[in-house]
PDB file of N, CA and C in Angstrom:
ATOM      1  N   MET A   1     187.132 100.458  80.610  1.00  0.00           N
ATOM      2  CA  MET A   1     187.222 101.283  81.799  1.00  0.00           C
ATOM      3  C   MET A   1     185.925 102.069  82.008  1.00  0.00           C
ATOM      4  N   TRP A   2     185.300 102.529  80.937  1.00  0.00           N
ATOM      5  CA  TRP A   2     184.066 103.280  81.057  1.00  0.00           C
ATOM      6  C   TRP A   2     182.985 102.430  81.713  1.00  0.00           C
ATOM      7  N   THR A   3     182.935 101.127  81.376  1.00  0.00           N
ATOM      8  CA  THR A   3     181.936 100.234  81.952  1.00  0.00           C
ATOM      9  C   THR A   3     182.138 100.110  83.455  1.00  0.00           C
ATOM     10  N   ILE A   4     183.362 100.039  83.903  1.00  0.00           N
ATOM     11  CA  ILE A   4     183.639  99.947  85.334  1.00  0.00           C
ATOM     12  C   ILE A   4     183.165 101.217  86.038  1.00  0.00           C
ATOM     13  N   GLN A   5     183.378 102.372  85.405  1.00  0.00           N
ATOM     14  CA  GLN A   5     182.917 103.628  85.997  1.00  0.00           C
ATOM     15  C   GLN A   5     181.395 103.670  86.037  1.00  0.00           C
ATOM     16  N   TRP A   6     180.754 103.211  84.972  1.00  0.00           N
ATOM     17  CA  TRP A   6     179.295 103.254  84.900  1.00  0.00           C
ATOM     18  C   TRP A   6     178.662 102.303  85.901  1.00  0.00           C
ATOM     19  N   LEU A   7     179.252 101.133  86.077  1.00  0.00           N
ATOM     20  CA  LEU A   7     178.687 100.129  86.977  1.00  0.00           C
ATOM     21  C   LEU A   7     179.218 100.268  88.400  1.00  0.00           C
ATOM     22  N   GLY A   8     179.861 101.375  88.700  1.00  0.00           N
ATOM     23  CA  GLY A   8     180.430 101.596  90.022  1.00  0.00           C
ATOM     24  C   GLY A   8     179.363 101.736  91.089  1.00  0.00           C
ATOM     25  N   LYS A   9     179.711 102.345  92.172  1.00  0.00           N
ATOM     26  CA  LYS A   9     178.790 102.516  93.293  1.00  0.00           C
ATOM     27  C   LYS A   9     177.597 103.382  92.892  1.00  0.00           C
ATOM     28  N   ARG A  10     176.530 103.253  93.636  1.00  0.00           N
ATOM     29  CA  ARG A  10     175.270 103.938  93.329  1.00  0.00           C
ATOM     30  C   ARG A  10     175.445 105.462  93.276  1.00  0.00           C
ATOM     31  N   HIS A  11     176.206 106.026  94.175  1.00  0.00           N
ATOM     32  CA  HIS A  11     176.340 107.482  94.211  1.00  0.00           C
ATOM     33  C   HIS A  11     177.150 108.016  93.034  1.00  0.00           C
ATOM     34  N   GLN A  12     177.831 107.170  92.309  1.00  0.00           N
ATOM     35  CA  GLN A  12     178.595 107.620  91.150  1.00  0.00           C
ATOM     36  C   GLN A  12     177.750 107.610  89.881  1.00  0.00           C
ATOM     37  N   GLN A  13     176.610 106.938  89.907  1.00  0.00           N
ATOM     38  CA  GLN A  13     175.766 106.871  88.730  1.00  0.00           C
ATOM     39  C   GLN A  13     174.878 108.111  88.649  1.00  0.00           C
ATOM     40  N   PRO A  14     174.487 108.484  87.441  1.00  0.00           N
ATOM     41  CA  PRO A  14     173.577 109.634  87.307  1.00  0.00           C
ATOM     42  C   PRO A  14     172.208 109.303  87.878  1.00  0.00           C
ATOM     43  N   ARG A  15     171.467 110.357  88.224  1.00  0.00           N
ATOM     44  CA  ARG A  15     170.112 110.161  88.757  1.00  0.00           C
ATOM     45  C   ARG A  15     169.233 109.540  87.683  1.00  0.00           C
ATOM     46  N   PRO A  16     168.287 108.700  88.074  1.00  0.00           N
ATOM     47  CA  PRO A  16     167.369 108.116  87.089  1.00  0.00           C
ATOM     48  C   PRO A  16     166.540 109.194  86.397  1.00  0.00           C
ATOM     49  N   LEU A  17     166.243 108.966  85.127  1.00  0.00           N
ATOM     50  CA  LEU A  17     165.505 109.939  84.341  1.00  0.00           C
ATOM     51  C   LEU A  17     164.140 110.239  84.952  1.00  0.00           C
ATOM     52  N   LYS A  18     163.447 109.230  85.452  1.00  0.00           N
ATOM     53  CA  LYS A  18     162.128 109.434  86.055  1.00  0.00           C
ATOM     54  C   LYS A  18     162.219 110.397  87.236  1.00  0.00           C
ATOM     55  N   GLU A  19     163.257 110.271  88.028  1.00  0.00           N
ATOM     56  CA  GLU A  19     163.445 111.163  89.182  1.00  0.00           C
ATOM     57  C   GLU A  19     163.663 112.606  88.724  1.00  0.00           C
ATOM     58  N   ILE A  20     164.432 112.787  87.666  1.00  0.00           N
ATOM     59  CA  ILE A  20     164.694 114.127  87.135  1.00  0.00           C
ATOM     60  C   ILE A  20     163.405 114.736  86.586  1.00  0.00           C
ATOM     61  N   LEU A  21     162.651 113.945  85.811  1.00  0.00           N
ATOM     62  CA  LEU A  21     161.406 114.454  85.237  1.00  0.00           C
ATOM     63  C   LEU A  21     160.382 114.777  86.306  1.00  0.00           C
ATOM     64  N   ASP A  22     160.315 113.968  87.366  1.00  0.00           N
ATOM     65  CA  ASP A  22     159.387 114.239  88.463  1.00  0.00           C
ATOM     66  C   ASP A  22     159.736 115.545  89.164  1.00  0.00           C
ATOM     67  N   SER A  23     161.023 115.816  89.333  1.00  0.00           N
ATOM     68  CA  SER A  23     161.425 117.052  90.005  1.00  0.00           C
ATOM     69  C   SER A  23     161.092 118.269  89.146  1.00  0.00           C
ATOM     70  N   ILE A  24     161.158 118.128  87.836  1.00  0.00           N
ATOM     71  CA  ILE A  24     160.825 119.235  86.942  1.00  0.00           C
ATOM     72  C   ILE A  24     159.322 119.492  86.967  1.00  0.00           C
ATOM     73  N   SER A  25     158.535 118.423  86.940  1.00  0.00           N
ATOM     74  CA  SER A  25     157.082 118.603  86.885  1.00  0.00           C
ATOM     75  C   SER A  25     156.531 119.181  88.188  1.00  0.00           C
ATOM     76  N   ARG A  26     157.205 118.994  89.297  1.00  0.00           N
ATOM     77  CA  ARG A  26     156.749 119.561  90.565  1.00  0.00           C
ATOM     78  C   ARG A  26     156.933 121.068  90.605  1.00  0.00           C
ATOM     79  N   GLU A  27     157.817 121.602  89.759  1.00  0.00           N
ATOM     80  CA  GLU A  27     158.143 123.019  89.789  1.00  0.00           C
ATOM     81  C   GLU A  27     157.284 123.834  88.823  1.00  0.00           C
ATOM     82  N   LYS A  28     156.105 123.337  88.458  1.00  0.00           N
ATOM     83  CA  LYS A  28     155.251 124.051  87.522  1.00  0.00           C
ATOM     84  C   LYS A  28     154.767 125.359  88.127  1.00  0.00           C
ATOM     85  N   LYS A  29     154.773 126.390  87.307  1.00  0.00           N
ATOM     86  CA  LYS A  29     154.320 127.701  87.747  1.00  0.00           C
ATOM     87  C   LYS A  29     152.864 127.866  87.329  1.00  0.00           C
ATOM     88  N   ILE A  30     152.027 128.256  88.248  1.00  0.00           N
ATOM     89  CA  ILE A  30     150.618 128.457  87.960  1.00  0.00           C
ATOM     90  C   ILE A  30     150.389 129.943  87.691  1.00  0.00           C
ATOM     91  N   MET A  31     149.808 130.235  86.523  1.00  0.00           N
ATOM     92  CA  MET A  31     149.568 131.619  86.125  1.00  0.00           C
ATOM     93  C   MET A  31     148.123 132.002  86.425  1.00  0.00           C
ATOM     94  N   THR A  32     147.949 133.252  86.800  1.00  0.00           N
ATOM     95  CA  THR A  32     146.591 133.769  86.966  1.00  0.00           C
ATOM     96  C   THR A  32     146.036 134.083  85.578  1.00  0.00           C
ATOM     97  N   ASP A  33     144.740 134.343  85.497  1.00  0.00           N
ATOM     98  CA  ASP A  33     144.121 134.670  84.208  1.00  0.00           C
ATOM     99  C   ASP A  33     144.743 135.922  83.598  1.00  0.00           C
ATOM    100  N   GLU A  34     145.001 136.920  84.440  1.00  0.00           N
ATOM    101  CA  GLU A  34     145.578 138.165  83.934  1.00  0.00           C
ATOM    102  C   GLU A  34     147.002 137.958  83.423  1.00  0.00           C
ATOM    103  N   GLN A  35     147.814 137.163  84.133  1.00  0.00           N
ATOM    104  CA  GLN A  35     149.174 136.870  83.682  1.00  0.00           C
ATOM    105  C   GLN A  35     149.157 136.120  82.351  1.00  0.00           C
ATOM    106  N   MET A  36     148.226 135.175  82.212  1.00  0.00           N
ATOM    107  CA  MET A  36     148.131 134.415  80.977  1.00  0.00           C
ATOM    108  C   MET A  36     147.715 135.319  79.824  1.00  0.00           C
ATOM    109  N   PHE A  37     146.778 136.235  80.073  1.00  0.00           N
ATOM    110  CA  PHE A  37     146.339 137.164  79.037  1.00  0.00           C
ATOM    111  C   PHE A  37     147.494 138.044  78.578  1.00  0.00           C
ATOM    112  N   LYS A  38     148.292 138.551  79.520  1.00  0.00           N
ATOM    113  CA  LYS A  38     149.453 139.389  79.169  1.00  0.00           C
ATOM    114  C   LYS A  38     150.462 138.585  78.347  1.00  0.00           C
ATOM    115  N   GLN A  39     150.684 137.325  78.726  1.00  0.00           N
ATOM    116  CA  GLN A  39     151.629 136.476  77.996  1.00  0.00           C
ATOM    117  C   GLN A  39     151.128 136.233  76.568  1.00  0.00           C
ATOM    118  N   ILE A  40     149.833 136.029  76.419  1.00  0.00           N
ATOM    119  CA  ILE A  40     149.253 135.830  75.084  1.00  0.00           C
ATOM    120  C   ILE A  40     149.411 137.089  74.243  1.00  0.00           C
ATOM    121  N   GLN A  41     149.222 138.250  74.858  1.00  0.00           N
ATOM    122  CA  GLN A  41     149.404 139.506  74.127  1.00  0.00           C
ATOM    123  C   GLN A  41     150.846 139.651  73.644  1.00  0.00           C
ATOM    124  N   VAL A  42     151.798 139.305  74.484  1.00  0.00           N
ATOM    125  CA  VAL A  42     153.214 139.393  74.108  1.00  0.00           C
ATOM    126  C   VAL A  42     153.505 138.453  72.946  1.00  0.00           C
ATOM    127  N   LEU A  43     153.035 137.217  73.045  1.00  0.00           N
ATOM    128  CA  LEU A  43     153.261 136.254  71.961  1.00  0.00           C
ATOM    129  C   LEU A  43     152.584 136.708  70.671  1.00  0.00           C
ATOM    130  N   ASN A  44     151.412 137.303  70.799  1.00  0.00           N
ATOM    131  CA  ASN A  44     150.702 137.823  69.634  1.00  0.00           C
ATOM    132  C   ASN A  44     151.525 138.903  68.938  1.00  0.00           C
ATOM    133  N   MET A  45     152.121 139.814  69.714  1.00  0.00           N
ATOM    134  CA  MET A  45     152.956 140.862  69.132  1.00  0.00           C
ATOM    135  C   MET A  45     154.207 140.281  68.491  1.00  0.00           C
ATOM    136  N   ILE A  46     154.826 139.300  69.152  1.00  0.00           N
ATOM    137  CA  ILE A  46     156.058 138.701  68.626  1.00  0.00           C
ATOM    138  C   ILE A  46     155.809 138.043  67.274  1.00  0.00           C
ATOM    139  N   PHE A  47     154.701 137.331  67.145  1.00  0.00           N
ATOM    140  CA  PHE A  47     154.419 136.603  65.916  1.00  0.00           C
ATOM    141  C   PHE A  47     153.608 137.414  64.910  1.00  0.00           C
ATOM    142  N   GLY A  48     153.408 138.713  65.180  1.00  0.00           N
ATOM    143  CA  GLY A  48     152.746 139.591  64.224  1.00  0.00           C
ATOM    144  C   GLY A  48     151.257 139.349  64.100  1.00  0.00           C
ATOM    145  N   GLY A  49     150.646 138.963  65.182  1.00  0.00           N
ATOM    146  CA  GLY A  49     149.211 138.709  65.168  1.00  0.00           C
ATOM    147  C   GLY A  49     148.406 139.984  65.067  1.00  0.00           C
ATOM    148  N   GLU A  50     147.137 139.820  64.794  1.00  0.00           N
ATOM    149  CA  GLU A  50     146.233 140.952  64.641  1.00  0.00           C
ATOM    150  C   GLU A  50     145.286 141.001  65.828  1.00  0.00           C
ATOM    151  N   VAL A  51     145.092 142.208  66.381  1.00  0.00           N
ATOM    152  CA  VAL A  51     144.197 142.372  67.522  1.00  0.00           C
ATOM    153  C   VAL A  51     142.825 142.756  67.012  1.00  0.00           C
ATOM    154  N   LYS A  52     141.824 141.981  67.364  1.00  0.00           N
ATOM    155  CA  LYS A  52     140.457 142.267  66.965  1.00  0.00           C
ATOM    156  C   LYS A  52     139.629 142.479  68.210  1.00  0.00           C
ATOM    157  N   VAL A  53     138.807 143.530  68.201  1.00  0.00           N
ATOM    158  CA  VAL A  53     137.918 143.819  69.312  1.00  0.00           C
ATOM    159  C   VAL A  53     136.502 143.553  68.854  1.00  0.00           C
ATOM    160  N   LEU A  54     135.755 142.813  69.654  1.00  0.00           N
ATOM    161  CA  LEU A  54     134.379 142.500  69.273  1.00  0.00           C
ATOM    162  C   LEU A  54     133.548 143.775  69.212  1.00  0.00           C
ATOM    163  N   GLY A  55     132.740 143.888  68.186  1.00  0.00           N
ATOM    164  CA  GLY A  55     131.869 145.055  68.043  1.00  0.00           C
ATOM    165  C   GLY A  55     132.496 146.163  67.216  1.00  0.00           C
ATOM    166  N   GLU A  56     133.774 146.072  66.903  1.00  0.00           N
ATOM    167  CA  GLU A  56     134.444 147.089  66.071  1.00  0.00           C
ATOM    168  C   GLU A  56     134.803 146.454  64.733  1.00  0.00           C
ATOM    169  N   GLU A  57     134.920 147.293  63.716  1.00  0.00           N
ATOM    170  CA  GLU A  57     135.285 146.774  62.405  1.00  0.00           C
ATOM    171  C   GLU A  57     136.670 147.145  62.028  1.00  0.00           C
TER     172      GLU A  57
END
């Protein structure tokens, strides 16, 4: 019975994987340099990174 359901009409079948992946890739968010820097700072704090400033010891 499952095979009959799977091979049924086109609208009953799931969307093709390529179509799903294409729709996801179109929704990419573009970050500005400042947004990316803030995100890196957050990740640095989460993972316990060390902040180093050039010219300071």
